[in-house]
Amino acid sequence: RRTYLVAPSRPDKRPNLFRFLRRAISNAPRLFVEAIDVGQASFVCIHDGQKSYAYFDAGLPLWFNAKSMPPSPVFFPPHKQAVIVLSHWDYDHYSAIQKFENLGTLRCIAPAGELGPNAGKLAKKMGKRLWALDHGVKITIGPMKLRWATGPVDDRNNRGIIGIVKLPHQK
């Protein structure tokens, strides 16, 4: 089994990386956080009712849970500045990026570190669109804050990126 290493992106390259997304989110009249029904997997959208600004995980079920997936998952298409945040590199958290063409072109924030062969291929395909965070790095994009879970270092499910969204008061 081959493993791949995703090196952390350089912090000095980050200052304006999400400026346009921050501006787009701040201009949205309303925001919603919605878990998308994809069956036994993780896929969450932050959207305004028409376009998604961020996807927190974009996964589909593993083969043995495939029957849990609806025939056609429904989610709002991405805003041109949208980003995908992967909590960690498990298939049921990233596989929709490979299946849906409109997700495959987006920028992605994900944990740096060792990856298995499938995740490694995806990371390589993303190239410069992948922003790999080293453990402890914090990012704020408008109402979305990305922080790190404090679980054991060798436990991907409990040591990945956490997304916290504070929606403005809406009428």
N, C-alpha and C. Protein backbone atom coordinates (compact mmCIF):
# COMPACT_ATOMS: atom_id res chain seq x y z
N ARG A 1 0.85 -1.18 0.00
CA ARG A 1 0.00 0.00 0.00
C ARG A 1 0.89 1.23 0.00
N ARG A 2 0.73 2.04 -1.00
CA ARG A 2 1.54 3.24 -1.14
C ARG A 2 0.88 4.40 -0.42
N THR A 3 1.66 5.21 0.24
CA THR A 3 1.12 6.41 0.88
C THR A 3 1.74 7.64 0.23
N TYR A 4 1.00 8.71 0.24
CA TYR A 4 1.42 9.98 -0.33
C TYR A 4 1.48 11.00 0.79
N LEU A 5 2.33 11.97 0.64
CA LEU A 5 2.44 13.03 1.63
C LEU A 5 1.97 14.33 1.01
N VAL A 6 1.01 14.97 1.66
CA VAL A 6 0.59 16.30 1.24
C VAL A 6 1.27 17.27 2.19
N ALA A 7 2.20 18.04 1.66
CA ALA A 7 2.94 18.99 2.48
C ALA A 7 2.07 20.20 2.79
N PRO A 8 2.27 20.80 3.96
CA PRO A 8 1.51 22.01 4.30
C PRO A 8 1.80 23.13 3.30
N SER A 9 0.77 23.90 2.98
CA SER A 9 0.94 25.06 2.11
C SER A 9 1.61 26.17 2.91
N ARG A 10 2.33 27.02 2.22
CA ARG A 10 3.07 28.08 2.91
C ARG A 10 2.12 29.16 3.42
N PRO A 11 2.17 29.47 4.72
CA PRO A 11 1.28 30.50 5.29
C PRO A 11 1.43 31.87 4.65
N ASP A 12 2.63 32.22 4.18
CA ASP A 12 2.84 33.55 3.60
C ASP A 12 2.13 33.70 2.26
N LYS A 13 1.63 32.62 1.68
CA LYS A 13 0.90 32.68 0.41
C LYS A 13 -0.61 32.83 0.63
N ARG A 14 -1.06 32.86 1.89
CA ARG A 14 -2.47 32.81 2.20
C ARG A 14 -3.20 34.15 2.29
N PRO A 15 -2.58 35.28 2.54
CA PRO A 15 -3.32 36.49 2.89
C PRO A 15 -4.54 36.82 2.03
N ASN A 16 -4.44 36.74 0.71
CA ASN A 16 -5.57 37.13 -0.14
C ASN A 16 -6.29 35.94 -0.77
N LEU A 17 -5.92 34.74 -0.36
CA LEU A 17 -6.46 33.53 -0.98
C LEU A 17 -7.98 33.48 -0.96
N PHE A 18 -8.60 33.91 0.13
CA PHE A 18 -10.04 33.80 0.27
C PHE A 18 -10.75 35.15 0.32
N ARG A 19 -10.06 36.21 -0.09
CA ARG A 19 -10.64 37.56 -0.07
C ARG A 19 -11.94 37.63 -0.87
N PHE A 20 -11.97 37.06 -2.06
CA PHE A 20 -13.17 37.13 -2.90
C PHE A 20 -14.31 36.31 -2.32
N LEU A 21 -13.99 35.16 -1.74
CA LEU A 21 -15.03 34.35 -1.10
C LEU A 21 -15.60 35.09 0.11
N ARG A 22 -14.73 35.70 0.90
CA ARG A 22 -15.18 36.48 2.06
C ARG A 22 -16.15 37.57 1.62
N ARG A 23 -15.81 38.27 0.56
CA ARG A 23 -16.65 39.35 0.03
C ARG A 23 -17.98 38.79 -0.48
N ALA A 24 -17.94 37.67 -1.20
CA ALA A 24 -19.16 37.07 -1.73
C ALA A 24 -20.10 36.65 -0.60
N ILE A 25 -19.54 36.03 0.44
CA ILE A 25 -20.35 35.60 1.58
C ILE A 25 -20.96 36.80 2.28
N SER A 26 -20.19 37.86 2.45
CA SER A 26 -20.71 39.03 3.17
C SER A 26 -21.81 39.74 2.39
N ASN A 27 -21.86 39.56 1.07
CA ASN A 27 -22.91 40.16 0.25
C ASN A 27 -24.17 39.30 0.16
N ALA A 28 -24.11 38.09 0.66
CA ALA A 28 -25.29 37.20 0.60
C ALA A 28 -26.34 37.70 1.58
N PRO A 29 -27.60 37.84 1.14
CA PRO A 29 -28.65 38.35 2.03
C PRO A 29 -28.99 37.37 3.15
N ARG A 30 -28.89 36.10 2.87
CA ARG A 30 -29.18 35.06 3.88
C ARG A 30 -28.23 33.90 3.65
N LEU A 31 -27.88 33.22 4.72
CA LEU A 31 -27.04 32.02 4.60
C LEU A 31 -27.70 30.87 5.35
N PHE A 32 -27.49 29.68 4.84
CA PHE A 32 -28.01 28.47 5.44
C PHE A 32 -26.89 27.44 5.52
N VAL A 33 -26.92 26.62 6.53
CA VAL A 33 -26.01 25.48 6.64
C VAL A 33 -26.90 24.25 6.52
N GLU A 34 -26.62 23.41 5.53
CA GLU A 34 -27.49 22.28 5.24
C GLU A 34 -26.69 21.00 5.02
N ALA A 35 -27.05 19.96 5.76
CA ALA A 35 -26.48 18.64 5.53
C ALA A 35 -27.21 18.04 4.33
N ILE A 36 -26.47 17.63 3.33
CA ILE A 36 -27.05 17.08 2.11
C ILE A 36 -27.21 15.57 2.28
N ASP A 37 -28.38 15.07 1.87
CA ASP A 37 -28.63 13.63 1.97
C ASP A 37 -27.87 12.91 0.86
N VAL A 38 -26.77 12.30 1.25
CA VAL A 38 -25.99 11.47 0.34
C VAL A 38 -25.90 10.05 0.88
N GLY A 39 -26.69 9.75 1.89
CA GLY A 39 -26.61 8.43 2.51
C GLY A 39 -25.56 8.44 3.60
N GLN A 40 -24.86 7.32 3.76
CA GLN A 40 -23.88 7.15 4.83
C GLN A 40 -22.56 7.80 4.44
N ALA A 41 -22.51 9.13 4.55
CA ALA A 41 -21.31 9.91 4.21
C ALA A 41 -21.50 11.32 4.73
N SER A 42 -20.50 12.18 4.53
CA SER A 42 -20.57 13.55 5.02
C SER A 42 -20.52 14.54 3.86
N PHE A 43 -21.52 15.44 3.81
CA PHE A 43 -21.60 16.44 2.74
C PHE A 43 -22.47 17.57 3.27
N VAL A 44 -21.87 18.72 3.54
CA VAL A 44 -22.58 19.86 4.11
C VAL A 44 -22.34 21.09 3.23
N CYS A 45 -23.40 21.87 3.01
CA CYS A 45 -23.29 23.09 2.19
C CYS A 45 -23.59 24.33 3.03
N ILE A 46 -22.87 25.39 2.76
CA ILE A 46 -23.22 26.72 3.26
C ILE A 46 -23.66 27.48 2.02
N HIS A 47 -24.95 27.83 1.98
CA HIS A 47 -25.51 28.40 0.76
C HIS A 47 -26.48 29.54 1.07
N ASP A 48 -26.88 30.25 0.01
CA ASP A 48 -27.83 31.36 0.17
C ASP A 48 -29.20 31.02 -0.41
N GLY A 49 -29.43 29.76 -0.74
CA GLY A 49 -30.70 29.34 -1.34
C GLY A 49 -30.61 29.23 -2.86
N GLN A 50 -29.48 29.69 -3.42
CA GLN A 50 -29.27 29.58 -4.87
C GLN A 50 -27.90 29.01 -5.21
N LYS A 51 -26.89 29.49 -4.50
CA LYS A 51 -25.51 29.07 -4.75
C LYS A 51 -24.85 28.68 -3.43
N SER A 52 -23.93 27.72 -3.51
CA SER A 52 -23.16 27.31 -2.33
C SER A 52 -21.84 28.08 -2.31
N TYR A 53 -21.48 28.55 -1.12
CA TYR A 53 -20.22 29.27 -0.95
C TYR A 53 -19.13 28.36 -0.40
N ALA A 54 -19.55 27.36 0.35
CA ALA A 54 -18.59 26.42 0.90
C ALA A 54 -19.26 25.07 1.08
N TYR A 55 -18.45 24.04 0.91
CA TYR A 55 -18.89 22.67 1.19
C TYR A 55 -17.96 22.17 2.28
N PHE A 56 -18.52 21.73 3.37
CA PHE A 56 -17.70 21.13 4.42
C PHE A 56 -17.85 19.63 4.23
N ASP A 57 -16.80 19.02 3.74
CA ASP A 57 -16.79 17.64 3.27
C ASP A 57 -17.68 17.54 2.04
N ALA A 58 -17.34 16.65 1.17
CA ALA A 58 -18.10 16.42 -0.05
C ALA A 58 -17.95 14.94 -0.38
N GLY A 59 -18.57 14.12 0.46
CA GLY A 59 -18.38 12.69 0.33
C GLY A 59 -19.60 11.95 -0.16
N LEU A 60 -19.36 10.71 -0.55
CA LEU A 60 -20.39 9.76 -0.94
C LEU A 60 -20.10 8.46 -0.20
N PRO A 61 -21.10 7.58 -0.06
CA PRO A 61 -20.88 6.35 0.70
C PRO A 61 -19.86 5.40 0.06
N LEU A 62 -19.24 4.63 0.91
CA LEU A 62 -18.38 3.54 0.45
C LEU A 62 -19.27 2.49 -0.20
N TRP A 63 -18.67 1.59 -0.98
CA TRP A 63 -19.45 0.61 -1.75
C TRP A 63 -20.42 -0.19 -0.90
N PHE A 64 -20.04 -0.54 0.32
CA PHE A 64 -20.92 -1.37 1.15
C PHE A 64 -22.08 -0.59 1.76
N ASN A 65 -22.06 0.73 1.63
CA ASN A 65 -23.17 1.58 2.06
C ASN A 65 -23.87 2.26 0.87
N ALA A 66 -23.54 1.82 -0.35
CA ALA A 66 -24.05 2.47 -1.56
C ALA A 66 -25.58 2.55 -1.60
N LYS A 67 -26.26 1.56 -1.03
CA LYS A 67 -27.73 1.57 -1.04
C LYS A 67 -28.31 2.70 -0.19
N SER A 68 -27.52 3.28 0.68
CA SER A 68 -28.01 4.38 1.51
C SER A 68 -28.09 5.70 0.74
N MET A 69 -27.45 5.76 -0.44
CA MET A 69 -27.42 7.00 -1.21
C MET A 69 -28.67 7.16 -2.06
N PRO A 70 -29.29 8.35 -2.05
CA PRO A 70 -30.43 8.60 -2.94
C PRO A 70 -29.94 8.57 -4.40
N PRO A 71 -30.85 8.33 -5.36
CA PRO A 71 -30.43 8.23 -6.77
C PRO A 71 -29.71 9.48 -7.28
N SER A 72 -30.18 10.65 -6.90
CA SER A 72 -29.55 11.91 -7.35
C SER A 72 -29.49 12.89 -6.19
N PRO A 73 -28.36 12.95 -5.48
CA PRO A 73 -28.26 13.92 -4.39
C PRO A 73 -28.48 15.34 -4.90
N VAL A 74 -29.19 16.14 -4.11
CA VAL A 74 -29.52 17.50 -4.51
C VAL A 74 -28.75 18.48 -3.63
N PHE A 75 -28.00 19.36 -4.29
CA PHE A 75 -27.30 20.43 -3.57
C PHE A 75 -27.19 21.62 -4.50
N PHE A 76 -27.05 22.81 -3.91
CA PHE A 76 -26.94 24.02 -4.71
C PHE A 76 -25.58 24.05 -5.40
N PRO A 77 -25.56 24.52 -6.65
CA PRO A 77 -24.28 24.58 -7.36
C PRO A 77 -23.34 25.59 -6.71
N PRO A 78 -22.05 25.45 -6.96
CA PRO A 78 -21.09 26.35 -6.32
C PRO A 78 -21.09 27.76 -6.89
N HIS A 79 -20.92 28.72 -6.00
CA HIS A 79 -20.61 30.10 -6.38
C HIS A 79 -19.22 30.06 -7.02
N LYS A 80 -18.90 30.99 -7.90
CA LYS A 80 -17.60 30.94 -8.59
C LYS A 80 -16.41 31.03 -7.63
N GLN A 81 -16.60 31.54 -6.42
CA GLN A 81 -15.53 31.63 -5.44
C GLN A 81 -15.59 30.52 -4.38
N ALA A 82 -16.47 29.56 -4.56
CA ALA A 82 -16.70 28.53 -3.53
C ALA A 82 -15.44 27.72 -3.23
N VAL A 83 -15.46 27.14 -2.05
CA VAL A 83 -14.34 26.33 -1.58
C VAL A 83 -14.89 25.05 -0.92
N ILE A 84 -14.11 24.00 -0.98
CA ILE A 84 -14.43 22.76 -0.27
C ILE A 84 -13.45 22.63 0.89
N VAL A 85 -13.98 22.31 2.05
CA VAL A 85 -13.13 22.05 3.22
C VAL A 85 -13.29 20.58 3.57
N LEU A 86 -12.19 19.85 3.58
CA LEU A 86 -12.24 18.44 3.98
C LEU A 86 -11.82 18.33 5.43
N SER A 87 -12.68 17.70 6.23
CA SER A 87 -12.32 17.51 7.63
C SER A 87 -11.14 16.55 7.74
N HIS A 88 -11.13 15.53 6.91
CA HIS A 88 -10.02 14.58 6.84
C HIS A 88 -10.14 13.79 5.54
N TRP A 89 -9.13 13.01 5.22
CA TRP A 89 -9.01 12.36 3.92
C TRP A 89 -9.61 10.96 3.89
N ASP A 90 -10.83 10.78 4.31
CA ASP A 90 -11.52 9.50 4.15
C ASP A 90 -12.45 9.61 2.94
N TYR A 91 -12.59 8.52 2.20
CA TYR A 91 -13.38 8.48 0.96
C TYR A 91 -14.78 9.04 1.15
N ASP A 92 -15.42 8.70 2.26
CA ASP A 92 -16.80 9.16 2.48
C ASP A 92 -16.86 10.64 2.86
N HIS A 93 -15.73 11.33 2.79
CA HIS A 93 -15.68 12.77 3.03
C HIS A 93 -15.21 13.56 1.80
N TYR A 94 -14.64 12.86 0.77
CA TYR A 94 -14.14 13.58 -0.40
C TYR A 94 -14.63 13.05 -1.76
N SER A 95 -15.26 11.93 -1.83
CA SER A 95 -15.52 11.26 -3.12
C SER A 95 -16.46 12.01 -4.06
N ALA A 96 -17.33 12.87 -3.56
CA ALA A 96 -18.21 13.64 -4.46
C ALA A 96 -17.40 14.60 -5.33
N ILE A 97 -16.21 14.97 -4.90
CA ILE A 97 -15.34 15.84 -5.69
C ILE A 97 -14.99 15.13 -7.00
N GLN A 98 -14.83 13.82 -6.94
CA GLN A 98 -14.49 13.04 -8.12
C GLN A 98 -15.71 12.78 -9.01
N LYS A 99 -16.88 12.70 -8.42
CA LYS A 99 -18.09 12.35 -9.17
C LYS A 99 -18.75 13.54 -9.84
N PHE A 100 -18.82 14.68 -9.17
CA PHE A 100 -19.52 15.84 -9.69
C PHE A 100 -18.53 16.84 -10.27
N GLU A 101 -18.63 17.06 -11.57
CA GLU A 101 -17.68 17.91 -12.29
C GLU A 101 -17.59 19.32 -11.71
N ASN A 102 -18.73 19.89 -11.29
CA ASN A 102 -18.71 21.25 -10.78
C ASN A 102 -17.99 21.37 -9.43
N LEU A 103 -17.78 20.27 -8.74
CA LEU A 103 -17.00 20.30 -7.49
C LEU A 103 -15.52 20.08 -7.76
N GLY A 104 -15.21 19.35 -8.81
CA GLY A 104 -13.82 19.01 -9.12
C GLY A 104 -12.94 20.18 -9.52
N THR A 105 -13.54 21.33 -9.79
CA THR A 105 -12.75 22.50 -10.22
C THR A 105 -12.54 23.50 -9.09
N LEU A 106 -13.12 23.23 -7.91
CA LEU A 106 -13.05 24.19 -6.81
C LEU A 106 -11.73 24.10 -6.04
N ARG A 107 -11.43 25.19 -5.33
CA ARG A 107 -10.30 25.18 -4.40
C ARG A 107 -10.69 24.34 -3.19
N CYS A 108 -9.71 23.76 -2.56
CA CYS A 108 -9.97 22.85 -1.44
C CYS A 108 -8.98 23.11 -0.31
N ILE A 109 -9.51 23.10 0.91
CA ILE A 109 -8.69 23.18 2.11
C ILE A 109 -8.77 21.82 2.78
N ALA A 110 -7.63 21.22 3.10
CA ALA A 110 -7.61 19.89 3.70
C ALA A 110 -6.39 19.73 4.60
N PRO A 111 -6.43 18.75 5.49
CA PRO A 111 -5.27 18.52 6.36
C PRO A 111 -4.04 18.06 5.56
N ALA A 112 -2.89 18.56 5.95
CA ALA A 112 -1.63 18.07 5.40
C ALA A 112 -1.33 16.73 6.08
N GLY A 113 -0.51 15.93 5.45
CA GLY A 113 -0.10 14.66 6.07
C GLY A 113 -0.10 13.51 5.08
N GLU A 114 -0.01 12.30 5.62
CA GLU A 114 0.03 11.10 4.79
C GLU A 114 -1.36 10.74 4.28
N LEU A 115 -1.40 10.30 3.03
CA LEU A 115 -2.64 9.91 2.39
C LEU A 115 -2.49 8.52 1.80
N GLY A 116 -3.62 7.82 1.69
CA GLY A 116 -3.64 6.55 0.99
C GLY A 116 -3.59 6.80 -0.51
N PRO A 117 -3.57 5.73 -1.32
CA PRO A 117 -3.42 5.89 -2.77
C PRO A 117 -4.54 6.68 -3.45
N ASN A 118 -5.80 6.43 -3.08
CA ASN A 118 -6.91 7.15 -3.73
C ASN A 118 -6.93 8.62 -3.37
N ALA A 119 -6.77 8.93 -2.11
CA ALA A 119 -6.71 10.33 -1.68
C ALA A 119 -5.48 11.01 -2.28
N GLY A 120 -4.39 10.28 -2.37
CA GLY A 120 -3.17 10.83 -2.96
C GLY A 120 -3.36 11.22 -4.41
N LYS A 121 -4.07 10.38 -5.17
CA LYS A 121 -4.35 10.70 -6.57
C LYS A 121 -5.22 11.95 -6.69
N LEU A 122 -6.21 12.05 -5.80
CA LEU A 122 -7.07 13.24 -5.83
C LEU A 122 -6.26 14.49 -5.48
N ALA A 123 -5.44 14.41 -4.45
CA ALA A 123 -4.62 15.56 -4.05
C ALA A 123 -3.70 15.99 -5.19
N LYS A 124 -3.12 15.02 -5.86
CA LYS A 124 -2.23 15.33 -6.99
C LYS A 124 -3.00 16.00 -8.11
N LYS A 125 -4.19 15.51 -8.40
CA LYS A 125 -5.04 16.08 -9.45
C LYS A 125 -5.44 17.52 -9.12
N MET A 126 -5.67 17.80 -7.83
CA MET A 126 -6.06 19.15 -7.41
C MET A 126 -4.91 20.14 -7.60
N GLY A 127 -3.71 19.68 -7.42
CA GLY A 127 -2.55 20.54 -7.62
C GLY A 127 -2.60 21.81 -6.80
N LYS A 128 -2.48 22.95 -7.46
CA LYS A 128 -2.44 24.25 -6.77
C LYS A 128 -3.78 24.67 -6.18
N ARG A 129 -4.86 23.97 -6.56
CA ARG A 129 -6.17 24.30 -5.97
C ARG A 129 -6.30 23.74 -4.56
N LEU A 130 -5.35 22.90 -4.13
CA LEU A 130 -5.38 22.31 -2.80
C LEU A 130 -4.55 23.15 -1.84
N TRP A 131 -5.18 23.59 -0.76
CA TRP A 131 -4.49 24.32 0.31
C TRP A 131 -4.42 23.37 1.50
N ALA A 132 -3.24 22.81 1.76
CA ALA A 132 -3.07 21.84 2.83
C ALA A 132 -2.67 22.54 4.12
N LEU A 133 -3.48 22.33 5.16
CA LEU A 133 -3.23 22.97 6.45
C LEU A 133 -2.43 22.08 7.37
N ASP A 134 -1.40 22.65 7.94
CA ASP A 134 -0.64 21.96 8.96
C ASP A 134 -1.43 22.01 10.26
N HIS A 135 -1.25 21.02 11.11
CA HIS A 135 -2.00 20.97 12.35
C HIS A 135 -1.80 22.25 13.16
N GLY A 136 -2.90 22.79 13.64
CA GLY A 136 -2.86 24.00 14.47
C GLY A 136 -3.15 25.29 13.72
N VAL A 137 -3.01 25.29 12.39
CA VAL A 137 -3.29 26.50 11.61
C VAL A 137 -4.79 26.79 11.66
N LYS A 138 -5.14 28.05 11.87
CA LYS A 138 -6.55 28.47 11.94
C LYS A 138 -6.85 29.40 10.77
N ILE A 139 -8.05 29.28 10.23
CA ILE A 139 -8.48 30.15 9.13
C ILE A 139 -9.88 30.65 9.44
N THR A 140 -10.14 31.90 9.11
CA THR A 140 -11.49 32.46 9.19
C THR A 140 -11.83 33.00 7.82
N ILE A 141 -12.99 32.57 7.30
CA ILE A 141 -13.49 33.06 6.01
C ILE A 141 -14.91 33.54 6.26
N GLY A 142 -15.08 34.82 6.42
CA GLY A 142 -16.41 35.36 6.74
C GLY A 142 -16.93 34.72 8.02
N PRO A 143 -18.13 34.11 7.96
CA PRO A 143 -18.70 33.52 9.17
C PRO A 143 -18.16 32.12 9.49
N MET A 144 -17.24 31.61 8.64
CA MET A 144 -16.74 30.25 8.82
C MET A 144 -15.34 30.27 9.44
N LYS A 145 -15.20 29.53 10.54
CA LYS A 145 -13.90 29.39 11.19
C LYS A 145 -13.48 27.94 11.08
N LEU A 146 -12.23 27.71 10.71
CA LEU A 146 -11.69 26.37 10.62
C LEU A 146 -10.67 26.19 11.74
N ARG A 147 -10.90 25.17 12.54
CA ARG A 147 -10.04 24.87 13.68
C ARG A 147 -9.71 23.39 13.66
N TRP A 148 -8.89 22.94 14.58
CA TRP A 148 -8.47 21.55 14.63
C TRP A 148 -9.08 20.81 15.81
N ALA A 149 -9.52 19.59 15.58
CA ALA A 149 -9.98 18.73 16.67
C ALA A 149 -8.77 18.33 17.50
N THR A 150 -9.01 17.97 18.74
CA THR A 150 -7.90 17.71 19.66
C THR A 150 -7.72 16.23 19.99
N GLY A 151 -8.27 15.35 19.15
CA GLY A 151 -8.13 13.91 19.39
C GLY A 151 -6.69 13.44 19.21
N PRO A 152 -6.46 12.14 19.41
CA PRO A 152 -5.11 11.58 19.26
C PRO A 152 -4.55 11.82 17.86
N VAL A 153 -3.26 12.06 17.78
CA VAL A 153 -2.59 12.39 16.53
C VAL A 153 -2.81 11.32 15.45
N ASP A 154 -2.87 10.06 15.83
CA ASP A 154 -3.00 8.99 14.85
C ASP A 154 -4.46 8.62 14.54
N ASP A 155 -5.42 9.46 14.92
CA ASP A 155 -6.84 9.17 14.72
C ASP A 155 -7.44 10.23 13.81
N ARG A 156 -7.49 9.95 12.49
CA ARG A 156 -7.98 10.93 11.51
C ARG A 156 -9.38 11.43 11.82
N ASN A 157 -10.26 10.54 12.26
CA ASN A 157 -11.65 10.93 12.51
C ASN A 157 -11.79 11.92 13.67
N ASN A 158 -10.87 11.91 14.58
CA ASN A 158 -10.96 12.78 15.75
C ASN A 158 -9.85 13.82 15.81
N ARG A 159 -9.09 13.97 14.74
CA ARG A 159 -7.99 14.91 14.73
C ARG A 159 -8.01 15.82 13.49
N GLY A 160 -9.13 15.85 12.78
CA GLY A 160 -9.22 16.61 11.55
C GLY A 160 -9.64 18.05 11.76
N ILE A 161 -10.03 18.68 10.68
CA ILE A 161 -10.46 20.08 10.69
C ILE A 161 -11.93 20.14 11.11
N ILE A 162 -12.23 21.10 11.96
CA ILE A 162 -13.60 21.34 12.41
C ILE A 162 -14.07 22.65 11.78
N GLY A 163 -15.28 22.66 11.27
CA GLY A 163 -15.86 23.88 10.71
C GLY A 163 -16.88 24.45 11.68
N ILE A 164 -16.72 25.72 12.00
CA ILE A 164 -17.66 26.42 12.89
C ILE A 164 -18.24 27.57 12.07
N VAL A 165 -19.56 27.62 11.96
CA VAL A 165 -20.19 28.68 11.19
C VAL A 165 -21.11 29.46 12.11
N LYS A 166 -20.88 30.76 12.18
CA LYS A 166 -21.74 31.64 12.97
C LYS A 166 -22.50 32.50 11.97
N LEU A 167 -23.78 32.19 11.83
CA LEU A 167 -24.59 32.93 10.87
C LEU A 167 -25.04 34.25 11.48
N PRO A 168 -25.04 35.30 10.67
CA PRO A 168 -25.53 36.59 11.18
C PRO A 168 -27.02 36.47 11.50
N HIS A 169 -27.47 37.33 12.38
CA HIS A 169 -28.89 37.34 12.73
C HIS A 169 -29.70 37.59 11.46
N GLN A 170 -30.64 36.71 11.19
CA GLN A 170 -31.44 36.84 9.99
C GLN A 170 -32.91 36.94 10.35
N LYS A 171 -33.63 37.78 9.62
CA LYS A 171 -35.06 37.96 9.88
C LYS A 171 -35.87 37.01 9.06
